Each structure stands twice: as structure tokens, then as C-alpha cells.
Amino acid sequence: MSDGFNGTSHADMVNSPPHYQLMPGVEVYDLRQALAKKAKRLGTPHEQWSDWDRALEYLLRMWEKNGIEDLDKSLWYLNKLRDKIKTGVRVSGVPYEVEL
């Protein structure tokens, strides 16, 4: 927290926004980094990991930021992930098809 105009305090929305704080000293960023390392170790394709990661981010912040809108965004990414897994779409390799 830092002093704003008129002596009021406000959150540091760039370096430590409250909607990305899981608990004191633990941010969503920290969790995402740890999970990214695990996904890499497991050989999870980036295009699947990316959708899962974005879905998680929206879920983790929804209660303190955009509520149902963040939940809808999370579901959008989860649906994309499900479709990629079911159809075997791979961005970094074969097979890959682009819908026009």
C-alpha cells in the first residue's frame, strides 16, 4: 500500500494487485510459475497448458475482480482446451488444422 492523493492509501495495482493475492506472500503468479514447471516436466503441450493456465487465472481472481465475467472467460478457455484434447489439435506439431 502507498499513499495516494489526500493521504489515502491504495493498492499497488501494477506490482501487487489484491485480486492476484492468494494469501500473504503468495500471488497467483507464483502458483502459475510452479504449475508451468510441472507442466513442462510432464511434457504437456504448450497449446493445452496455455488454455488451462488462462482458465485458472480467471478462476483465481473472479471473486475479487469481475465475478461471473471471469467465470465465463475461464469456461471459454476450458472449452477450447477440451476441444483441443478431444480432437488432437497440436499447434507445435502435427496434426494441426486451421478452421477458415
C-alpha atoms as a PDB file:
ATOM      1  CA  MET A   1       0.000   0.000   0.000  1.00  0.00           C
ATOM      2  CA  SER A   2       1.173   3.502  -0.704  1.00  0.00           C
ATOM      3  CA  ASP A   3      -0.105   6.985  -0.016  1.00  0.00           C
ATOM      4  CA  GLY A   4      -2.343   8.440  -2.675  1.00  0.00           C
ATOM      5  CA  PHE A   5      -3.704  11.935  -3.022  1.00  0.00           C
ATOM      6  CA  ASN A   6      -5.207  13.408   0.158  1.00  0.00           C
ATOM      7  CA  GLY A   7      -3.272  10.944   2.341  1.00  0.00           C
ATOM      8  CA  THR A   8      -5.427   7.957   1.369  1.00  0.00           C
ATOM      9  CA  SER A   9      -3.832   4.573   0.774  1.00  0.00           C
ATOM     10  CA  HIS A  10      -4.395   2.405  -2.277  1.00  0.00           C
ATOM     11  CA  ALA A  11      -3.234  -0.945  -3.557  1.00  0.00           C
ATOM     12  CA  ASP A  12      -0.312  -1.235  -5.941  1.00  0.00           C
ATOM     13  CA  MET A  13      -2.362  -2.349  -8.948  1.00  0.00           C
ATOM     14  CA  VAL A  14       0.756  -2.997 -11.057  1.00  0.00           C
ATOM     15  CA  ASN A  15       3.090  -4.914  -8.760  1.00  0.00           C
ATOM     16  CA  SER A  16       0.718  -6.465  -6.264  1.00  0.00           C
ATOM     17  CA  PRO A  17      -2.982  -6.180  -7.169  1.00  0.00           C
ATOM     18  CA  PRO A  18      -5.227  -7.538  -4.414  1.00  0.00           C
ATOM     19  CA  HIS A  19      -7.209  -9.768  -6.802  1.00  0.00           C
ATOM     20  CA  TYR A  20      -3.987 -11.716  -7.509  1.00  0.00           C
ATOM     21  CA  GLN A  21      -3.093 -12.291  -3.831  1.00  0.00           C
ATOM     22  CA  LEU A  22      -3.888 -15.835  -2.713  1.00  0.00           C
ATOM     23  CA  MET A  23      -2.576 -15.230   0.799  1.00  0.00           C
ATOM     24  CA  PRO A  24       0.128 -13.032   2.297  1.00  0.00           C
ATOM     25  CA  GLY A  25       3.320 -13.624   0.329  1.00  0.00           C
ATOM     26  CA  VAL A  26       1.703 -15.893  -2.276  1.00  0.00           C
ATOM     27  CA  GLU A  27       0.450 -14.487  -5.553  1.00  0.00           C
ATOM     28  CA  VAL A  28      -1.322 -16.099  -8.487  1.00  0.00           C
ATOM     29  CA  TYR A  29       1.898 -15.511 -10.444  1.00  0.00           C
ATOM     30  CA  ASP A  30       3.834 -17.744  -8.034  1.00  0.00           C
ATOM     31  CA  LEU A  31       1.301 -20.553  -8.373  1.00  0.00           C
ATOM     32  CA  ARG A  32       1.254 -20.252 -12.176  1.00  0.00           C
ATOM     33  CA  GLN A  33       5.060 -20.429 -12.331  1.00  0.00           C
ATOM     34  CA  ALA A  34       5.138 -23.567 -10.177  1.00  0.00           C
ATOM     35  CA  LEU A  35       2.416 -25.205 -12.283  1.00  0.00           C
ATOM     36  CA  ALA A  36       4.202 -24.241 -15.520  1.00  0.00           C
ATOM     37  CA  LYS A  37       7.319 -26.057 -14.324  1.00  0.00           C
ATOM     38  CA  LYS A  38       5.245 -29.136 -13.555  1.00  0.00           C
ATOM     39  CA  ALA A  39       3.505 -28.995 -16.948  1.00  0.00           C
ATOM     40  CA  LYS A  40       6.880 -28.759 -18.689  1.00  0.00           C
ATOM     41  CA  ARG A  41       8.213 -31.688 -16.661  1.00  0.00           C
ATOM     42  CA  LEU A  42       5.134 -33.734 -17.650  1.00  0.00           C
ATOM     43  CA  GLY A  43       5.527 -32.806 -21.321  1.00  0.00           C
ATOM     44  CA  THR A  44       2.170 -31.032 -21.505  1.00  0.00           C
ATOM     45  CA  PRO A  45       1.810 -29.401 -24.943  1.00  0.00           C
ATOM     46  CA  HIS A  46       2.074 -25.624 -24.708  1.00  0.00           C
ATOM     47  CA  GLU A  47      -1.223 -25.036 -26.525  1.00  0.00           C
ATOM     48  CA  GLN A  48      -3.026 -27.127 -23.898  1.00  0.00           C
ATOM     49  CA  TRP A  49      -1.099 -25.687 -20.986  1.00  0.00           C
ATOM     50  CA  SER A  50      -1.786 -22.131 -22.157  1.00  0.00           C
ATOM     51  CA  ASP A  51      -5.571 -22.580 -22.196  1.00  0.00           C
ATOM     52  CA  TRP A  52      -5.542 -24.338 -18.817  1.00  0.00           C
ATOM     53  CA  ASP A  53      -3.350 -21.614 -17.322  1.00  0.00           C
ATOM     54  CA  ARG A  54      -5.621 -18.816 -18.542  1.00  0.00           C
ATOM     55  CA  ALA A  55      -8.709 -20.624 -17.226  1.00  0.00           C
ATOM     56  CA  LEU A  56      -7.053 -20.994 -13.829  1.00  0.00           C
ATOM     57  CA  GLU A  57      -6.056 -17.325 -13.748  1.00  0.00           C
ATOM     58  CA  TYR A  58      -9.640 -16.184 -14.338  1.00  0.00           C
ATOM     59  CA  LEU A  59     -10.980 -18.589 -11.708  1.00  0.00           C
ATOM     60  CA  LEU A  60      -8.492 -17.468  -9.089  1.00  0.00           C
ATOM     61  CA  ARG A  61      -9.349 -13.787  -9.446  1.00  0.00           C
ATOM     62  CA  MET A  62     -13.100 -13.967 -10.114  1.00  0.00           C
ATOM     63  CA  TRP A  63     -14.237 -13.380  -6.522  1.00  0.00           C
ATOM     64  CA  GLU A  64     -12.348 -10.093  -6.251  1.00  0.00           C
ATOM     65  CA  LYS A  65     -12.463  -8.733  -9.771  1.00  0.00           C
ATOM     66  CA  ASN A  66     -15.116  -9.440 -12.415  1.00  0.00           C
ATOM     67  CA  GLY A  67     -17.217 -12.239 -10.909  1.00  0.00           C
ATOM     68  CA  ILE A  68     -19.368 -14.044 -13.466  1.00  0.00           C
ATOM     69  CA  GLU A  69     -17.493 -12.446 -16.388  1.00  0.00           C
ATOM     70  CA  ASP A  70     -14.243 -14.043 -15.212  1.00  0.00           C
ATOM     71  CA  LEU A  71     -16.048 -17.344 -14.689  1.00  0.00           C
ATOM     72  CA  ASP A  72     -17.345 -17.157 -18.265  1.00  0.00           C
ATOM     73  CA  LYS A  73     -13.838 -16.404 -19.543  1.00  0.00           C
ATOM     74  CA  SER A  74     -12.500 -19.382 -17.614  1.00  0.00           C
ATOM     75  CA  LEU A  75     -15.138 -21.637 -19.132  1.00  0.00           C
ATOM     76  CA  TRP A  76     -14.297 -20.308 -22.611  1.00  0.00           C
ATOM     77  CA  TYR A  77     -10.663 -21.370 -22.167  1.00  0.00           C
ATOM     78  CA  LEU A  78     -11.638 -24.718 -20.657  1.00  0.00           C
ATOM     79  CA  ASN A  79     -13.908 -25.433 -23.615  1.00  0.00           C
ATOM     80  CA  LYS A  80     -11.049 -24.614 -26.017  1.00  0.00           C
ATOM     81  CA  LEU A  81      -8.785 -26.928 -24.031  1.00  0.00           C
ATOM     82  CA  ARG A  82     -11.351 -29.742 -24.110  1.00  0.00           C
ATOM     83  CA  ASP A  83     -11.775 -29.350 -27.868  1.00  0.00           C
ATOM     84  CA  LYS A  84      -8.012 -29.470 -28.430  1.00  0.00           C
ATOM     85  CA  ILE A  85      -7.633 -32.597 -26.321  1.00  0.00           C
ATOM     86  CA  LYS A  86     -10.624 -34.344 -27.932  1.00  0.00           C
ATOM     87  CA  THR A  87      -9.583 -33.556 -31.497  1.00  0.00           C
ATOM     88  CA  GLY A  88      -5.846 -33.952 -31.005  1.00  0.00           C
ATOM     89  CA  VAL A  89      -5.053 -30.460 -32.264  1.00  0.00           C
ATOM     90  CA  ARG A  90      -1.394 -29.575 -31.827  1.00  0.00           C
ATOM     91  CA  VAL A  91      -0.047 -26.107 -32.558  1.00  0.00           C
ATOM     92  CA  SER A  92       3.591 -27.072 -32.127  1.00  0.00           C
ATOM     93  CA  GLY A  93       3.387 -30.234 -34.196  1.00  0.00           C
ATOM     94  CA  VAL A  94       1.281 -32.492 -36.362  1.00  0.00           C
ATOM     95  CA  PRO A  95      -1.677 -32.839 -36.715  1.00  0.00           C
ATOM     96  CA  TYR A  96      -2.883 -29.254 -36.851  1.00  0.00           C
ATOM     97  CA  GLU A  97      -5.804 -27.852 -38.778  1.00  0.00           C
ATOM     98  CA  VAL A  98      -6.910 -24.264 -39.055  1.00  0.00           C
ATOM     99  CA  GLU A  99     -10.597 -23.509 -39.383  1.00  0.00           C
ATOM    100  CA  LEU A 100     -11.236 -20.850 -42.010  1.00  0.00           C
END
